[in-house]
Amino acid sequence: MNELNKMSFPLNSTETMPVLFLGHGSPMNAIEENEFVAGFRYIGKEIPHPNAILCISAHWETRGTWFIILE
């Protein structure tokens, strides 16, 4: 069993989840209140709660795979 399978094994299966691409756009989205931030909040309230989120970035370098269980 590969490392990612070992990490995710204890998670329960969930219903089929929507797939979202959320580009960060302007760095100001992290500190301003604007239409994009409002849209992110709306989506967060409307979609089912996932067990895990896959985040892929071309702007980050690290060793290994990180796995965080959402509660």
PDB file of N, CA and C in Angstrom:
ATOM      1  N   MET A   1       0.860  -1.171   0.000  1.00  0.00           N
ATOM      2  CA  MET A   1       0.000   0.000   0.000  1.00  0.00           C
ATOM      3  C   MET A   1       0.908   1.237   0.000  1.00  0.00           C
ATOM      4  N   ASN A   2       0.667   2.175  -0.916  1.00  0.00           N
ATOM      5  CA  ASN A   2       1.532   3.350  -0.957  1.00  0.00           C
ATOM      6  C   ASN A   2       1.214   4.307   0.201  1.00  0.00           C
ATOM      7  N   GLU A   3       2.065   5.291   0.400  1.00  0.00           N
ATOM      8  CA  GLU A   3       1.961   6.179   1.560  1.00  0.00           C
ATOM      9  C   GLU A   3       0.637   6.950   1.603  1.00  0.00           C
ATOM     10  N   LEU A   4       0.170   7.465   0.464  1.00  0.00           N
ATOM     11  CA  LEU A   4      -1.083   8.221   0.455  1.00  0.00           C
ATOM     12  C   LEU A   4      -2.261   7.327   0.828  1.00  0.00           C
ATOM     13  N   ASN A   5      -2.281   6.106   0.336  1.00  0.00           N
ATOM     14  CA  ASN A   5      -3.348   5.169   0.711  1.00  0.00           C
ATOM     15  C   ASN A   5      -3.312   4.862   2.199  1.00  0.00           C
ATOM     16  N   LYS A   6      -2.125   4.710   2.764  1.00  0.00           N
ATOM     17  CA  LYS A   6      -2.004   4.451   4.193  1.00  0.00           C
ATOM     18  C   LYS A   6      -2.572   5.605   5.014  1.00  0.00           C
ATOM     19  N   MET A   7      -2.296   6.838   4.583  1.00  0.00           N
ATOM     20  CA  MET A   7      -2.766   8.007   5.327  1.00  0.00           C
ATOM     21  C   MET A   7      -4.281   8.171   5.243  1.00  0.00           C
ATOM     22  N   SER A   8      -4.856   7.868   4.092  1.00  0.00           N
ATOM     23  CA  SER A   8      -6.288   8.100   3.906  1.00  0.00           C
ATOM     24  C   SER A   8      -7.151   6.903   4.290  1.00  0.00           C
ATOM     25  N   PHE A   9      -6.545   5.770   4.596  1.00  0.00           N
ATOM     26  CA  PHE A   9      -7.294   4.556   4.915  1.00  0.00           C
ATOM     27  C   PHE A   9      -8.330   4.751   6.024  1.00  0.00           C
ATOM     28  N   PRO A  10      -8.027   5.488   7.120  1.00  0.00           N
ATOM     29  CA  PRO A  10      -9.013   5.605   8.202  1.00  0.00           C
ATOM     30  C   PRO A  10     -10.222   6.498   7.877  1.00  0.00           C
ATOM     31  N   LEU A  11     -10.192   7.205   6.758  1.00  0.00           N
ATOM     32  CA  LEU A  11     -11.305   8.093   6.425  1.00  0.00           C
ATOM     33  C   LEU A  11     -12.504   7.309   5.918  1.00  0.00           C
ATOM     34  N   ASN A  12     -13.680   7.750   6.297  1.00  0.00           N
ATOM     35  CA  ASN A  12     -14.911   7.164   5.770  1.00  0.00           C
ATOM     36  C   ASN A  12     -15.148   7.703   4.370  1.00  0.00           C
ATOM     37  N   SER A  13     -15.809   6.909   3.547  1.00  0.00           N
ATOM     38  CA  SER A  13     -16.190   7.382   2.220  1.00  0.00           C
ATOM     39  C   SER A  13     -17.276   8.438   2.358  1.00  0.00           C
ATOM     40  N   THR A  14     -17.282   9.383   1.439  1.00  0.00           N
ATOM     41  CA  THR A  14     -18.318  10.415   1.421  1.00  0.00           C
ATOM     42  C   THR A  14     -19.066  10.324   0.104  1.00  0.00           C
ATOM     43  N   GLU A  15     -20.159  11.054   0.027  1.00  0.00           N
ATOM     44  CA  GLU A  15     -20.886  11.137  -1.230  1.00  0.00           C
ATOM     45  C   GLU A  15     -19.974  11.801  -2.262  1.00  0.00           C
ATOM     46  N   THR A  16     -20.325  11.663  -3.528  1.00  0.00           N
ATOM     47  CA  THR A  16     -19.549  12.314  -4.573  1.00  0.00           C
ATOM     48  C   THR A  16     -19.557  13.816  -4.330  1.00  0.00           C
ATOM     49  N   MET A  17     -18.379  14.394  -4.324  1.00  0.00           N
ATOM     50  CA  MET A  17     -18.231  15.810  -4.012  1.00  0.00           C
ATOM     51  C   MET A  17     -18.029  16.620  -5.290  1.00  0.00           C
ATOM     52  N   PRO A  18     -18.404  17.895  -5.271  1.00  0.00           N
ATOM     53  CA  PRO A  18     -18.098  18.742  -6.429  1.00  0.00           C
ATOM     54  C   PRO A  18     -16.589  18.987  -6.503  1.00  0.00           C
ATOM     55  N   VAL A  19     -16.118  19.224  -7.690  1.00  0.00           N
ATOM     56  CA  VAL A  19     -14.710  19.557  -7.893  1.00  0.00           C
ATOM     57  C   VAL A  19     -14.637  21.050  -8.163  1.00  0.00           C
ATOM     58  N   LEU A  20     -13.809  21.737  -7.416  1.00  0.00           N
ATOM     59  CA  LEU A  20     -13.678  23.180  -7.570  1.00  0.00           C
ATOM     60  C   LEU A  20     -12.241  23.552  -7.877  1.00  0.00           C
ATOM     61  N   PHE A  21     -12.057  24.474  -8.784  1.00  0.00           N
ATOM     62  CA  PHE A  21     -10.749  25.085  -8.971  1.00  0.00           C
ATOM     63  C   PHE A  21     -10.874  26.485  -8.402  1.00  0.00           C
ATOM     64  N   LEU A  22     -10.089  26.779  -7.388  1.00  0.00           N
ATOM     65  CA  LEU A  22     -10.108  28.092  -6.766  1.00  0.00           C
ATOM     66  C   LEU A  22      -8.737  28.727  -6.932  1.00  0.00           C
ATOM     67  N   GLY A  23      -8.577  29.484  -7.986  1.00  0.00           N
ATOM     68  CA  GLY A  23      -7.332  30.209  -8.180  1.00  0.00           C
ATOM     69  C   GLY A  23      -7.281  31.359  -7.180  1.00  0.00           C
ATOM     70  N   HIS A  24      -6.112  31.610  -6.638  1.00  0.00           N
ATOM     71  CA  HIS A  24      -6.018  32.638  -5.602  1.00  0.00           C
ATOM     72  C   HIS A  24      -6.186  34.040  -6.157  1.00  0.00           C
ATOM     73  N   GLY A  25      -5.945  34.237  -7.456  1.00  0.00           N
ATOM     74  CA  GLY A  25      -6.076  35.570  -8.021  1.00  0.00           C
ATOM     75  C   GLY A  25      -5.125  36.539  -7.337  1.00  0.00           C
ATOM     76  N   SER A  26      -5.629  37.687  -7.011  1.00  0.00           N
ATOM     77  CA  SER A  26      -4.819  38.715  -6.361  1.00  0.00           C
ATOM     78  C   SER A  26      -4.516  38.335  -4.916  1.00  0.00           C
ATOM     79  N   PRO A  27      -3.301  38.590  -4.450  1.00  0.00           N
ATOM     80  CA  PRO A  27      -3.005  38.356  -3.033  1.00  0.00           C
ATOM     81  C   PRO A  27      -3.891  39.201  -2.108  1.00  0.00           C
ATOM     82  N   MET A  28      -4.473  40.255  -2.630  1.00  0.00           N
ATOM     83  CA  MET A  28      -5.351  41.108  -1.830  1.00  0.00           C
ATOM     84  C   MET A  28      -6.618  40.362  -1.408  1.00  0.00           C
ATOM     85  N   ASN A  29      -6.953  39.262  -2.095  1.00  0.00           N
ATOM     86  CA  ASN A  29      -8.127  38.469  -1.706  1.00  0.00           C
ATOM     87  C   ASN A  29      -7.981  37.891  -0.301  1.00  0.00           C
ATOM     88  N   ALA A  30      -6.762  37.815   0.190  1.00  0.00           N
ATOM     89  CA  ALA A  30      -6.535  37.297   1.542  1.00  0.00           C
ATOM     90  C   ALA A  30      -6.831  38.343   2.614  1.00  0.00           C
ATOM     91  N   ILE A  31      -6.858  39.619   2.238  1.00  0.00           N
ATOM     92  CA  ILE A  31      -7.041  40.670   3.257  1.00  0.00           C
ATOM     93  C   ILE A  31      -8.187  41.620   2.969  1.00  0.00           C
ATOM     94  N   GLU A  32      -8.714  41.617   1.770  1.00  0.00           N
ATOM     95  CA  GLU A  32      -9.814  42.511   1.428  1.00  0.00           C
ATOM     96  C   GLU A  32     -11.157  41.787   1.472  1.00  0.00           C
ATOM     97  N   GLU A  33     -12.191  42.535   1.590  1.00  0.00           N
ATOM     98  CA  GLU A  33     -13.553  42.007   1.426  1.00  0.00           C
ATOM     99  C   GLU A  33     -13.985  42.403   0.022  1.00  0.00           C
ATOM    100  N   ASN A  34     -14.178  41.406  -0.851  1.00  0.00           N
ATOM    101  CA  ASN A  34     -14.580  41.701  -2.223  1.00  0.00           C
ATOM    102  C   ASN A  34     -15.486  40.589  -2.751  1.00  0.00           C
ATOM    103  N   GLU A  35     -15.867  40.672  -4.022  1.00  0.00           N
ATOM    104  CA  GLU A  35     -16.802  39.695  -4.582  1.00  0.00           C
ATOM    105  C   GLU A  35     -16.228  38.277  -4.598  1.00  0.00           C
ATOM    106  N   PHE A  36     -14.921  38.139  -4.753  1.00  0.00           N
ATOM    107  CA  PHE A  36     -14.314  36.804  -4.760  1.00  0.00           C
ATOM    108  C   PHE A  36     -14.366  36.170  -3.372  1.00  0.00           C
ATOM    109  N   VAL A  37     -14.028  36.944  -2.363  1.00  0.00           N
ATOM    110  CA  VAL A  37     -14.071  36.449  -0.985  1.00  0.00           C
ATOM    111  C   VAL A  37     -15.503  36.074  -0.609  1.00  0.00           C
ATOM    112  N   ALA A  38     -16.458  36.906  -1.000  1.00  0.00           N
ATOM    113  CA  ALA A  38     -17.872  36.602  -0.734  1.00  0.00           C
ATOM    114  C   ALA A  38     -18.273  35.308  -1.432  1.00  0.00           C
ATOM    115  N   GLY A  39     -17.784  35.090  -2.653  1.00  0.00           N
ATOM    116  CA  GLY A  39     -18.076  33.859  -3.386  1.00  0.00           C
ATOM    117  C   GLY A  39     -17.472  32.638  -2.711  1.00  0.00           C
ATOM    118  N   PHE A  40     -16.239  32.763  -2.206  1.00  0.00           N
ATOM    119  CA  PHE A  40     -15.607  31.659  -1.482  1.00  0.00           C
ATOM    120  C   PHE A  40     -16.421  31.299  -0.241  1.00  0.00           C
ATOM    121  N   ARG A  41     -16.877  32.305   0.489  1.00  0.00           N
ATOM    122  CA  ARG A  41     -17.692  32.051   1.698  1.00  0.00           C
ATOM    123  C   ARG A  41     -19.000  31.354   1.337  1.00  0.00           C
ATOM    124  N   TYR A  42     -19.641  31.804   0.274  1.00  0.00           N
ATOM    125  CA  TYR A  42     -20.904  31.208  -0.152  1.00  0.00           C
ATOM    126  C   TYR A  42     -20.711  29.739  -0.501  1.00  0.00           C
ATOM    127  N   ILE A  43     -19.687  29.440  -1.296  1.00  0.00           N
ATOM    128  CA  ILE A  43     -19.425  28.053  -1.688  1.00  0.00           C
ATOM    129  C   ILE A  43     -19.168  27.188  -0.450  1.00  0.00           C
ATOM    130  N   GLY A  44     -18.414  27.720   0.503  1.00  0.00           N
ATOM    131  CA  GLY A  44     -18.110  26.984   1.719  1.00  0.00           C
ATOM    132  C   GLY A  44     -19.338  26.615   2.526  1.00  0.00           C
ATOM    133  N   LYS A  45     -20.375  27.426   2.436  1.00  0.00           N
ATOM    134  CA  LYS A  45     -21.621  27.143   3.163  1.00  0.00           C
ATOM    135  C   LYS A  45     -22.547  26.215   2.389  1.00  0.00           C
ATOM    136  N   GLU A  46     -22.407  26.160   1.071  1.00  0.00           N
ATOM    137  CA  GLU A  46     -23.340  25.427   0.231  1.00  0.00           C
ATOM    138  C   GLU A  46     -22.930  23.992  -0.078  1.00  0.00           C
ATOM    139  N   ILE A  47     -21.639  23.719  -0.158  1.00  0.00           N
ATOM    140  CA  ILE A  47     -21.220  22.361  -0.532  1.00  0.00           C
ATOM    141  C   ILE A  47     -21.133  21.474   0.710  1.00  0.00           C
ATOM    142  N   PRO A  48     -21.241  20.156   0.542  1.00  0.00           N
ATOM    143  CA  PRO A  48     -21.107  19.240   1.678  1.00  0.00           C
ATOM    144  C   PRO A  48     -19.724  19.354   2.305  1.00  0.00           C
ATOM    145  N   HIS A  49     -19.616  19.005   3.571  1.00  0.00           N
ATOM    146  CA  HIS A  49     -18.333  19.052   4.290  1.00  0.00           C
ATOM    147  C   HIS A  49     -17.476  17.856   3.870  1.00  0.00           C
ATOM    148  N   PRO A  50     -16.285  18.113   3.307  1.00  0.00           N
ATOM    149  CA  PRO A  50     -15.438  16.999   2.867  1.00  0.00           C
ATOM    150  C   PRO A  50     -14.626  16.414   4.018  1.00  0.00           C
ATOM    151  N   ASN A  51     -14.139  15.199   3.834  1.00  0.00           N
ATOM    152  CA  ASN A  51     -13.200  14.589   4.786  1.00  0.00           C
ATOM    153  C   ASN A  51     -11.786  15.089   4.551  1.00  0.00           C
ATOM    154  N   ALA A  52     -11.484  15.471   3.326  1.00  0.00           N
ATOM    155  CA  ALA A  52     -10.144  15.927   2.985  1.00  0.00           C
ATOM    156  C   ALA A  52     -10.232  16.869   1.788  1.00  0.00           C
ATOM    157  N   ILE A  53      -9.205  17.684   1.623  1.00  0.00           N
ATOM    158  CA  ILE A  53      -9.114  18.608   0.493  1.00  0.00           C
ATOM    159  C   ILE A  53      -7.754  18.412  -0.154  1.00  0.00           C
ATOM    160  N   LEU A  54      -7.741  18.285  -1.467  1.00  0.00           N
ATOM    161  CA  LEU A  54      -6.495  18.168  -2.205  1.00  0.00           C
ATOM    162  C   LEU A  54      -6.109  19.558  -2.681  1.00  0.00           C
ATOM    163  N   CYS A  55      -4.922  19.986  -2.323  1.00  0.00           N
ATOM    164  CA  CYS A  55      -4.420  21.299  -2.711  1.00  0.00           C
ATOM    165  C   CYS A  55      -3.132  21.105  -3.498  1.00  0.00           C
ATOM    166  N   ILE A  56      -3.101  21.621  -4.705  1.00  0.00           N
ATOM    167  CA  ILE A  56      -1.923  21.504  -5.550  1.00  0.00           C
ATOM    168  C   ILE A  56      -1.468  22.907  -5.911  1.00  0.00           C
ATOM    169  N   SER A  57      -0.189  23.167  -5.717  1.00  0.00           N
ATOM    170  CA  SER A  57       0.353  24.482  -6.025  1.00  0.00           C
ATOM    171  C   SER A  57       1.672  24.346  -6.759  1.00  0.00           C
ATOM    172  N   ALA A  58       1.845  25.181  -7.755  1.00  0.00           N
ATOM    173  CA  ALA A  58       3.119  25.242  -8.463  1.00  0.00           C
ATOM    174  C   ALA A  58       4.078  26.206  -7.782  1.00  0.00           C
ATOM    175  N   HIS A  59       3.648  26.813  -6.695  1.00  0.00           N
ATOM    176  CA  HIS A  59       4.436  27.848  -6.033  1.00  0.00           C
ATOM    177  C   HIS A  59       4.941  27.428  -4.662  1.00  0.00           C
ATOM    178  N   TRP A  60       5.013  26.154  -4.406  1.00  0.00           N
ATOM    179  CA  TRP A  60       5.430  25.691  -3.090  1.00  0.00           C
ATOM    180  C   TRP A  60       6.366  24.519  -3.255  1.00  0.00           C
ATOM    181  N   GLU A  61       7.413  24.500  -2.478  1.00  0.00           N
ATOM    182  CA  GLU A  61       8.342  23.376  -2.510  1.00  0.00           C
ATOM    183  C   GLU A  61       8.454  22.801  -1.114  1.00  0.00           C
ATOM    184  N   THR A  62       8.328  21.500  -0.999  1.00  0.00           N
ATOM    185  CA  THR A  62       8.456  20.834   0.286  1.00  0.00           C
ATOM    186  C   THR A  62       8.889  19.400   0.052  1.00  0.00           C
ATOM    187  N   ARG A  63       9.353  18.759   1.079  1.00  0.00           N
ATOM    188  CA  ARG A  63       9.701  17.345   0.981  1.00  0.00           C
ATOM    189  C   ARG A  63       8.506  16.512   1.423  1.00  0.00           C
ATOM    190  N   GLY A  64       8.158  15.528   0.648  1.00  0.00           N
ATOM    191  CA  GLY A  64       7.128  14.595   1.056  1.00  0.00           C
ATOM    192  C   GLY A  64       5.715  15.074   0.780  1.00  0.00           C
ATOM    193  N   THR A  65       4.791  14.274   1.235  1.00  0.00           N
ATOM    194  CA  THR A  65       3.365  14.529   1.077  1.00  0.00           C
ATOM    195  C   THR A  65       2.795  14.842   2.447  1.00  0.00           C
ATOM    196  N   TRP A  66       1.947  15.833   2.524  1.00  0.00           N
ATOM    197  CA  TRP A  66       1.299  16.205   3.783  1.00  0.00           C
ATOM    198  C   TRP A  66      -0.165  15.845   3.712  1.00  0.00           C
ATOM    199  N   PHE A  67      -0.683  15.335   4.783  1.00  0.00           N
ATOM    200  CA  PHE A  67      -2.073  14.907   4.834  1.00  0.00           C
ATOM    201  C   PHE A  67      -2.686  15.439   6.109  1.00  0.00           C
ATOM    202  N   ILE A  68      -3.749  16.215   5.992  1.00  0.00           N
ATOM    203  CA  ILE A  68      -4.405  16.800   7.150  1.00  0.00           C
ATOM    204  C   ILE A  68      -5.869  16.355   7.157  1.00  0.00           C
ATOM    205  N   ILE A  69      -6.328  15.788   8.242  1.00  0.00           N
ATOM    206  CA  ILE A  69      -7.718  15.360   8.359  1.00  0.00           C
ATOM    207  C   ILE A  69      -8.536  16.536   8.881  1.00  0.00           C
ATOM    208  N   LEU A  70      -9.598  16.866   8.164  1.00  0.00           N
ATOM    209  CA  LEU A  70     -10.486  17.952   8.566  1.00  0.00           C
ATOM    210  C   LEU A  70     -11.460  17.440   9.618  1.00  0.00           C
ATOM    211  N   GLU A  71     -11.776  18.265  10.570  1.00  0.00           N
ATOM    212  CA  GLU A  71     -12.742  17.851  11.602  1.00  0.00           C
ATOM    213  C   GLU A  71     -13.910  18.775  11.635  1.00  0.00           C
TER     214      GLU A  71
END
